[in-house]
């Protein structure tokens, strides 16, 4: 249970500390690139960073999936407590 809570906390922190603040900046860079008809280097750099942060979500997600699929059985002593 603790591992699932840690994974959920990592995912939430990743989203609200990194991904959500990046979105308006990426949107602004994309809109600024419209007149030129080509995306700027700043956009590509920020998009690459956003992709890396997004990919880092895979580890906690897979951990949560594995923990959910293979639930440990409680012993009689653990159930009594």
Protein backbone atom coordinates (compact mmCIF):
# COMPACT_ATOMS: atom_id res chain seq x y z
CA UNK A 1 0.00 0.00 0.00
CA UNK A 2 2.84 2.39 0.80
CA UNK A 3 4.43 1.79 -2.58
CA UNK A 4 1.16 2.66 -4.34
CA UNK A 5 0.87 5.86 -2.29
CA UNK A 6 4.44 6.85 -3.14
CA UNK A 7 3.82 6.17 -6.84
CA UNK A 8 0.63 8.24 -6.76
CA UNK A 9 2.48 11.08 -5.04
CA UNK A 10 5.24 10.96 -7.68
CA UNK A 11 2.68 11.08 -10.49
CA UNK A 12 0.80 13.98 -8.91
CA UNK A 13 3.98 15.95 -8.24
CA UNK A 14 5.22 15.27 -11.75
CA UNK A 15 1.99 16.56 -13.21
CA UNK A 16 1.50 19.65 -11.08
CA UNK A 17 5.11 20.74 -10.67
CA UNK A 18 6.36 20.08 -14.20
CA UNK A 19 3.73 19.29 -16.81
CA UNK A 20 0.92 21.73 -15.98
CA UNK A 21 3.21 24.79 -15.81
CA UNK A 22 4.85 23.82 -19.12
CA UNK A 23 1.63 23.71 -21.13
CA UNK A 24 0.93 27.48 -21.33
CA UNK A 25 4.55 28.12 -22.30
CA UNK A 26 4.45 25.45 -25.03
CA UNK A 27 1.16 26.88 -26.30
CA UNK A 28 2.57 30.40 -26.39
CA UNK A 29 5.65 29.24 -28.29
CA UNK A 30 3.49 27.34 -30.78
CA UNK A 31 1.22 30.35 -31.33
CA UNK A 32 4.25 32.63 -31.78
CA UNK A 33 5.57 30.25 -34.45
CA UNK A 34 2.40 30.44 -36.58
CA UNK A 35 3.43 33.53 -38.61
CA UNK A 36 6.79 31.98 -39.49
CA UNK A 37 5.14 28.70 -40.45
CA UNK A 38 7.82 26.77 -38.61
CA UNK A 39 8.19 25.80 -34.95
CA UNK A 40 11.01 27.56 -33.12
CA UNK A 41 14.01 25.91 -31.49
CA UNK A 42 12.72 27.06 -28.10
CA UNK A 43 9.49 25.15 -28.76
CA UNK A 44 11.39 21.99 -29.71
CA UNK A 45 13.61 22.25 -26.62
CA UNK A 46 10.64 22.67 -24.28
CA UNK A 47 8.71 19.93 -26.08
CA UNK A 48 11.66 17.57 -25.60
CA UNK A 49 11.79 18.34 -21.88
CA UNK A 50 8.03 17.81 -21.62
CA UNK A 51 8.36 14.46 -23.39
CA UNK A 52 11.07 13.32 -20.96
CA UNK A 53 8.99 14.32 -17.95
CA UNK A 54 5.98 12.55 -19.45
CA UNK A 55 8.00 9.40 -20.13
CA UNK A 56 9.19 9.34 -16.54
CA UNK A 57 5.57 8.61 -15.56
CA UNK A 58 5.93 5.11 -16.98
CA UNK A 59 7.94 3.75 -14.03
CA UNK A 60 5.41 4.62 -11.28
CA UNK A 61 2.49 3.60 -13.51
CA UNK A 62 3.94 0.16 -14.22
CA UNK A 63 4.80 -0.26 -10.55
CA UNK A 64 1.21 0.52 -9.59
CA UNK A 65 -0.13 -1.88 -12.20
CA UNK A 66 2.10 -4.69 -10.95
CA UNK A 67 1.19 -3.99 -7.34
CA UNK A 68 -2.50 -4.07 -8.26
CA UNK A 69 -2.20 -7.30 -10.22
CA UNK A 70 -0.20 -9.24 -7.63
CA UNK A 71 -1.76 -8.46 -4.27
CA UNK A 72 0.10 -10.11 -1.41
CA UNK A 73 -1.96 -12.45 0.74
CA UNK A 74 -2.21 -11.62 4.40
CA UNK A 75 -1.19 -14.21 6.93
CA UNK A 76 -3.48 -15.12 9.85
CA UNK A 77 -1.39 -12.96 12.18
CA UNK A 78 -1.64 -9.95 9.85
CA UNK A 79 -5.41 -10.39 9.48
CA UNK A 80 -5.84 -10.56 13.24
CA UNK A 81 -3.94 -7.29 13.69
